[in-house]
Protein backbone atom coordinates (compact mmCIF):
# COMPACT_ATOMS: atom_id res chain seq x y z
CA MET A 1 79.37 93.60 139.98
CA THR A 2 82.78 95.21 140.42
CA ALA A 3 83.78 98.51 138.85
CA GLN A 4 85.47 98.48 135.47
CA PHE A 5 89.19 99.15 135.42
CA GLY A 6 91.80 99.06 132.67
CA ALA A 7 95.41 99.44 131.63
CA THR A 8 95.84 102.90 133.15
CA SER A 9 94.11 102.13 136.46
CA THR A 10 96.35 102.51 139.50
CA THR A 11 96.40 100.70 142.81
CA ASP A 12 94.61 103.66 144.39
CA ASP A 13 91.93 103.55 141.69
CA VAL A 14 91.33 99.84 142.20
CA LEU A 15 91.22 100.10 145.99
CA ALA A 16 89.12 103.27 146.24
CA GLY A 17 86.60 102.76 149.02
CA VAL A 18 87.95 99.30 149.92
CA ASP A 19 88.59 98.60 153.63
CA LEU A 20 91.04 95.74 154.18
CA SER A 21 91.07 95.92 157.97
CA GLY A 22 91.42 92.41 159.38
CA LYS A 23 92.96 91.02 156.17
CA ARG A 24 96.43 89.47 156.32
CA ILE A 25 98.38 89.32 153.07
CA LEU A 26 101.80 87.88 152.17
CA ILE A 27 103.81 89.30 149.26
CA THR A 28 107.11 87.95 147.95
CA GLY A 29 109.67 90.33 146.46
CA VAL A 30 109.13 93.50 148.47
CA SER A 31 112.58 95.03 148.04
CA ALA A 32 111.76 96.99 144.87
CA GLY A 33 109.19 98.02 142.29
CA LEU A 34 105.87 96.24 142.13
CA GLY A 35 106.29 94.44 145.44
CA VAL A 36 106.80 97.67 147.37
CA GLU A 37 103.86 99.42 145.69
CA THR A 38 101.57 96.41 146.16
CA ALA A 39 102.43 96.34 149.86
CA ARG A 40 102.01 100.11 150.23
CA ALA A 41 98.57 100.13 148.64
CA LEU A 42 97.28 97.21 150.70
CA VAL A 43 98.66 98.60 153.99
CA ALA A 44 97.17 102.01 153.21
CA HIS A 45 93.75 100.35 153.09
CA GLY A 46 94.17 98.62 156.43
CA ALA A 47 95.70 95.25 155.58
CA ALA A 48 98.38 93.58 157.68
CA VAL A 49 101.08 92.74 155.15
CA VAL A 50 103.99 90.34 155.51
CA GLY A 51 106.67 91.05 152.94
CA ALA A 52 109.24 88.45 151.96
CA ALA A 53 112.66 89.42 150.58
CA ARG A 54 116.07 87.86 150.07
CA ASP A 55 118.01 90.93 151.26
CA LEU A 56 116.38 92.25 154.42
CA ASN A 57 118.60 95.34 154.61
CA LYS A 58 117.64 96.35 151.08
CA ALA A 59 113.98 95.60 151.77
CA GLU A 60 114.04 97.56 155.01
CA ALA A 61 115.15 100.67 153.15
CA ALA A 62 112.90 100.12 150.12
CA THR A 63 109.74 99.65 152.17
CA ALA A 64 109.89 102.95 154.04
CA PRO A 65 106.86 104.13 151.98
CA VAL A 66 104.96 101.03 153.14
CA ARG A 67 105.47 101.88 156.82
CA ALA A 68 104.60 105.49 156.10
CA ALA A 69 101.24 104.31 154.74
CA ILE A 70 100.21 102.89 158.11
CA ALA A 71 97.75 105.41 159.52
CA ASN A 72 95.42 105.76 162.50
CA GLY A 73 96.30 102.33 163.84
CA LYS A 74 95.13 100.63 160.65
CA GLY A 75 97.45 98.46 158.61
CA ALA A 76 100.67 96.74 159.61
CA PHE A 77 103.85 95.61 157.91
CA ASP A 78 106.49 93.01 158.75
CA LEU A 79 109.42 91.54 156.85
CA ILE A 80 110.58 87.94 156.61
CA GLU A 81 113.70 86.56 154.96
CA LEU A 82 113.18 84.40 151.87
CA ASP A 83 115.59 83.44 149.10
CA LEU A 84 113.54 81.73 146.39
CA ALA A 85 116.71 80.41 144.78
CA SER A 86 117.46 78.29 147.86
CA PHE A 87 115.29 75.40 149.04
CA ALA A 88 117.00 75.61 152.45
CA SER A 89 115.92 79.24 152.80
CA ILE A 90 112.39 78.42 151.63
CA ARG A 91 112.04 75.56 154.09
CA ALA A 92 113.36 77.65 156.98
CA SER A 93 111.00 80.49 156.13
CA THR A 94 107.93 78.30 155.73
CA ASP A 95 108.73 76.35 158.90
CA ARG A 96 108.66 79.62 160.84
CA LEU A 97 105.36 80.66 159.28
CA VAL A 98 103.74 77.30 160.03
CA VAL A 99 104.91 77.40 163.65
CA ASP A 100 103.54 80.94 163.94
CA GLY A 101 100.23 79.55 162.69
CA ARG A 102 98.53 82.78 161.67
CA THR A 103 96.56 82.51 158.44
CA PHE A 104 96.67 84.60 155.28
CA ASP A 105 93.78 85.85 153.21
CA VAL A 106 95.93 86.37 150.14
CA VAL A 107 99.39 85.23 149.02
CA ILE A 108 100.87 87.25 146.15
CA ALA A 109 103.81 85.47 144.51
CA ASN A 110 105.40 88.60 143.07
CA ALA A 111 109.18 88.03 143.20
CA GLY A 112 111.14 86.97 140.15
CA VAL A 113 114.05 87.41 137.76
CA MET A 114 113.93 88.15 134.03
CA ALA A 115 116.23 87.30 131.12
CA ALA A 116 119.06 86.34 133.45
CA PRO A 117 122.35 84.97 132.10
CA PHE A 118 122.66 81.20 132.26
CA GLY A 119 123.19 80.04 135.81
CA HIS A 120 121.83 77.82 138.53
CA THR A 121 120.07 78.16 141.85
CA ALA A 122 121.63 76.86 145.05
CA ASP A 123 119.96 73.51 144.33
CA GLY A 124 121.23 73.21 140.76
CA PHE A 125 118.22 74.34 138.72
CA GLU A 126 118.31 76.83 135.84
CA THR A 127 118.04 80.23 137.48
CA GLN A 128 114.75 81.50 136.07
CA PHE A 129 112.78 78.24 136.24
CA GLY A 130 114.29 77.48 139.65
CA THR A 131 113.56 80.92 141.14
CA ASN A 132 110.37 82.03 139.41
CA HIS A 133 108.59 78.68 139.44
CA LEU A 134 110.18 76.03 141.66
CA GLY A 135 110.92 78.51 144.45
CA HIS A 136 107.33 79.71 144.57
CA PHE A 137 105.97 76.19 144.05
CA LEU A 138 107.79 74.96 147.15
CA PHE A 139 107.13 78.08 149.22
CA VAL A 140 103.40 78.34 148.48
CA ASN A 141 102.67 74.65 148.85
CA ARG A 142 104.43 74.45 152.20
CA ILE A 143 102.16 77.22 153.56
CA ALA A 144 99.03 76.31 151.57
CA GLY A 145 97.27 75.24 154.77
CA LEU A 146 97.71 78.78 156.10
CA ILE A 147 95.64 80.27 153.28
CA ALA A 148 92.25 80.71 154.93
CA PRO A 149 89.00 79.52 153.30
CA GLY A 150 87.92 82.28 150.96
CA GLY A 151 91.56 83.19 150.38
CA ARG A 152 93.52 83.50 147.16
CA LEU A 153 96.88 82.82 145.57
CA VAL A 154 97.95 85.42 143.01
CA ASN A 155 100.90 84.49 140.78
CA VAL A 156 102.57 87.41 139.01
CA ALA A 157 103.38 85.92 135.61
CA SER A 158 103.95 87.84 132.36
CA SER A 159 102.96 88.19 128.74
CA GLY A 160 106.48 86.76 128.35
CA HIS A 161 104.84 83.35 128.76
CA ARG A 162 104.29 83.64 125.00
CA PHE A 163 108.02 83.13 124.43
CA ALA A 164 107.86 79.45 125.37
CA ASP A 165 105.83 76.59 126.79
CA VAL A 166 107.41 74.58 129.59
CA ASP A 167 109.83 71.80 128.66
CA LEU A 168 109.23 69.02 131.17
CA ASP A 169 111.93 66.85 129.57
CA ASP A 170 114.69 69.46 129.75
CA PRO A 171 113.80 72.09 132.36
CA ASN A 172 117.44 72.99 133.02
CA PHE A 173 118.61 73.44 129.42
CA GLU A 174 120.89 70.44 129.66
CA ARG A 175 120.13 69.47 126.04
CA THR A 176 118.71 72.74 124.73
CA PRO A 177 120.82 75.80 123.81
CA TYR A 178 120.19 78.43 126.47
CA ASP A 179 118.22 81.52 125.52
CA PRO A 180 117.40 83.94 128.36
CA TRP A 181 114.01 84.90 126.88
CA VAL A 182 113.00 81.30 126.24
CA ALA A 183 113.96 80.49 129.84
CA TYR A 184 111.93 83.45 131.05
CA GLY A 185 108.97 82.34 128.95
CA ARG A 186 109.12 78.82 130.34
CA SER A 187 109.18 80.13 133.91
CA LYS A 188 106.25 82.49 133.34
CA THR A 189 104.18 79.78 131.64
CA SER A 190 104.95 77.68 134.71
CA ASN A 191 103.60 80.44 136.97
CA ILE A 192 100.28 80.33 135.12
CA LEU A 193 100.07 76.52 135.03
CA PHE A 194 100.85 76.41 138.76
CA ALA A 195 97.88 78.70 139.43
CA VAL A 196 95.62 76.54 137.25
CA GLU A 197 96.43 73.35 139.17
CA PHE A 198 96.53 75.01 142.60
CA ASP A 199 93.06 76.39 141.90
CA ARG A 200 91.76 72.96 140.92
CA ARG A 201 93.16 71.39 144.07
CA HIS A 202 91.98 74.02 146.55
CA LYS A 203 88.74 75.52 145.26
CA ALA A 204 86.61 72.94 147.09
CA ARG A 205 87.72 74.55 150.36
CA GLY A 206 87.11 78.04 149.03
CA VAL A 207 90.67 78.96 148.09
CA ARG A 208 91.19 80.17 144.53
CA ALA A 209 94.29 80.90 142.47
CA THR A 210 94.95 83.15 139.50
CA ALA A 211 97.89 84.42 137.47
CA LEU A 212 98.46 87.78 135.83
CA HIS A 213 100.56 90.02 133.63
CA PRO A 214 101.25 93.35 135.36
CA GLY A 215 102.12 95.12 132.11
CA GLY A 216 105.36 96.59 130.86
CA ILE A 217 107.01 98.55 133.66
CA ASN A 218 110.59 99.77 133.52
CA THR A 219 111.70 98.45 136.92
CA GLU A 220 114.70 96.71 138.47
CA LEU A 221 113.36 93.45 137.00
CA GLY A 222 114.96 94.43 133.71
CA ARG A 223 118.48 94.79 135.12
CA HIS A 224 119.79 91.94 132.93
CA VAL A 225 118.50 93.58 129.74
CA GLY A 226 121.02 95.97 128.23
CA VAL A 227 120.05 99.50 127.20
CA ASP A 228 120.70 98.77 123.51
CA THR A 229 118.70 95.54 123.65
CA LEU A 230 115.79 97.27 125.32
CA LYS A 231 115.88 100.12 122.79
CA ALA A 232 115.85 97.64 119.89
CA MET A 233 112.91 95.76 121.41
CA ILE A 234 110.86 98.96 121.80
CA GLU A 235 111.70 100.07 118.25
CA ARG A 236 110.55 96.69 116.88
CA ILE A 237 107.33 96.82 118.90
CA ASN A 238 106.61 100.38 117.76
CA ALA A 239 107.17 99.44 114.12
CA GLU A 240 104.60 96.65 114.47
CA LEU A 241 102.17 98.97 116.22
CA ALA A 242 102.60 101.65 113.55
CA ALA A 243 101.94 99.08 110.83
CA ALA A 244 98.70 98.22 112.60
CA GLY A 245 97.72 101.89 112.86
CA LYS A 246 98.17 101.96 116.63
CA PRO A 247 99.97 104.51 118.85
CA PRO A 248 103.51 103.82 120.08
CA TYR A 249 104.20 101.70 123.13
CA SER A 250 104.26 103.38 126.52
CA TRP A 251 105.47 102.01 129.83
CA LYS A 252 103.09 101.64 132.73
CA THR A 253 103.87 103.43 135.96
CA ILE A 254 104.59 101.24 138.98
CA PRO A 255 101.16 102.03 140.55
CA GLN A 256 99.53 101.02 137.25
CA GLY A 257 101.63 97.87 137.08
CA ALA A 258 100.70 96.79 140.60
CA ALA A 259 97.00 97.48 140.06
CA THR A 260 96.19 94.08 138.57
CA SER A 261 97.81 92.31 141.54
CA VAL A 262 95.62 94.09 144.07
CA TRP A 263 92.56 93.84 141.82
CA ALA A 264 92.98 90.08 141.41
CA GLY A 265 93.79 89.61 145.08
CA VAL A 266 91.09 91.56 146.88
CA VAL A 267 88.65 93.18 144.44
CA ALA A 268 87.78 90.83 141.57
CA ASP A 269 85.16 88.11 141.92
CA ALA A 270 86.89 84.89 143.00
CA ASP A 271 84.94 82.69 140.60
CA ALA A 272 85.77 85.02 137.72
CA VAL A 273 89.54 84.92 138.22
CA GLY A 274 90.00 81.42 139.66
CA GLY A 275 92.13 79.29 137.35
CA ARG A 276 92.41 82.15 134.86
CA TYR A 277 94.99 84.66 133.59
CA CYS A 278 94.43 88.38 134.02
CA GLU A 279 95.90 91.64 132.73
CA ASN A 280 94.90 95.29 132.81
CA CYS A 281 92.51 94.52 135.68
CA HIS A 282 90.36 92.03 133.80
CA VAL A 283 90.37 88.37 132.79
CA SER A 284 92.14 87.72 129.47
CA GLU A 285 90.96 85.70 126.51
CA VAL A 286 92.93 82.95 124.76
CA THR A 287 94.68 84.43 121.71
CA ASP A 288 96.87 81.76 120.16
CA GLY A 289 97.03 83.43 116.75
CA VAL A 290 98.10 86.89 117.90
CA ILE A 291 101.84 87.56 117.55
CA ASN A 292 101.91 91.25 118.52
CA PRO A 293 104.16 91.23 121.63
CA VAL A 294 102.13 93.86 123.48
CA ALA A 295 98.63 92.71 122.54
CA GLU A 296 96.46 91.24 125.29
CA GLY A 297 95.76 87.55 125.63
CA VAL A 298 97.01 84.25 126.97
CA ARG A 299 98.29 81.19 125.12
CA SER A 300 96.13 78.09 125.47
CA TYR A 301 99.10 75.95 126.54
CA ALA A 302 99.43 78.10 129.66
CA LEU A 303 95.90 77.20 130.78
CA ASP A 304 95.94 73.53 129.73
CA PRO A 305 94.78 71.50 132.77
CA ASP A 306 96.63 68.37 131.68
CA ARG A 307 99.82 70.36 131.22
CA ALA A 308 99.26 71.92 134.64
CA ARG A 309 98.96 68.52 136.31
CA ALA A 310 102.07 67.26 134.52
CA LEU A 311 104.08 70.31 135.64
CA TRP A 312 102.87 69.82 139.21
CA ALA A 313 104.04 66.20 139.23
CA LYS A 314 107.41 67.16 137.70
CA SER A 315 107.82 70.00 140.20
CA GLU A 316 107.14 67.67 143.13
CA GLU A 317 109.84 65.37 141.76
CA LEU A 318 112.33 68.23 141.44
CA VAL A 319 111.74 69.76 144.88
CA GLY A 320 111.58 66.35 146.58
CA GLU A 321 108.23 66.91 148.29
CA ARG A 322 104.66 65.87 147.52
CA PHE A 323 101.69 68.14 148.18
């Protein structure tokens, strides 16, 4: 039975007393925010962390606190180059990892973009679906054999999955008017569905997968959201909360936001989180009828096994590889 944690738990709370010596963990998106804190916390508890980032110079500077957390010969940190918006970069990165041959106990798919203007990845896919989902789909599947038995895949999704289900007929908005939040919602639903199907395919060999919402954290992820837009969103949320007799919305700190990633990756029971969606350091319930944007819960379409299999097949078609 693991300890009980919640929305205000930090990475240090979750990992108190946990020794990760001998564990090797890969994290994407370690050039800012949650990725840096996730890496720092895991290294501080003895893990050997490999951080992936598109801009190695930026990541090198941002991860100084991670290297500072290495103490008494315990813990290690290395960087690898990975641009999730480029299949060529993904294939080059995964080829190097496979040749290296060392296994991972946990892979945390943390990188992503949010509410980006309409655009395309290097391979012609809508930016958010192409980066957040297809990039991780290709990257993780190409190194899936390196995840050791007993290991885990942790996909950092979002409560933003409530904005939209995936559209397997028009993933690139070729026939649908583009909306940055709908596109974000589709990509985050895809992150959850990917975890559901990856878990089904790999649990027989002892590898489990889960997805999570880290919470609302005011990080670099929101760089495409204007100040006025963000202010209006918070005012609308607070009006709904006030009407329900609840206190106003408050941002999580970065250590609080990264807590669910480390909890799901190395603390929670594998059978409890496998194929599920987590937030605030616990497994969430399906709440299809709840419209409050900051309430807990996951939409049933994001956990639908048939939908997960269909997305997997479509994703294989789009990336041009079968797994």
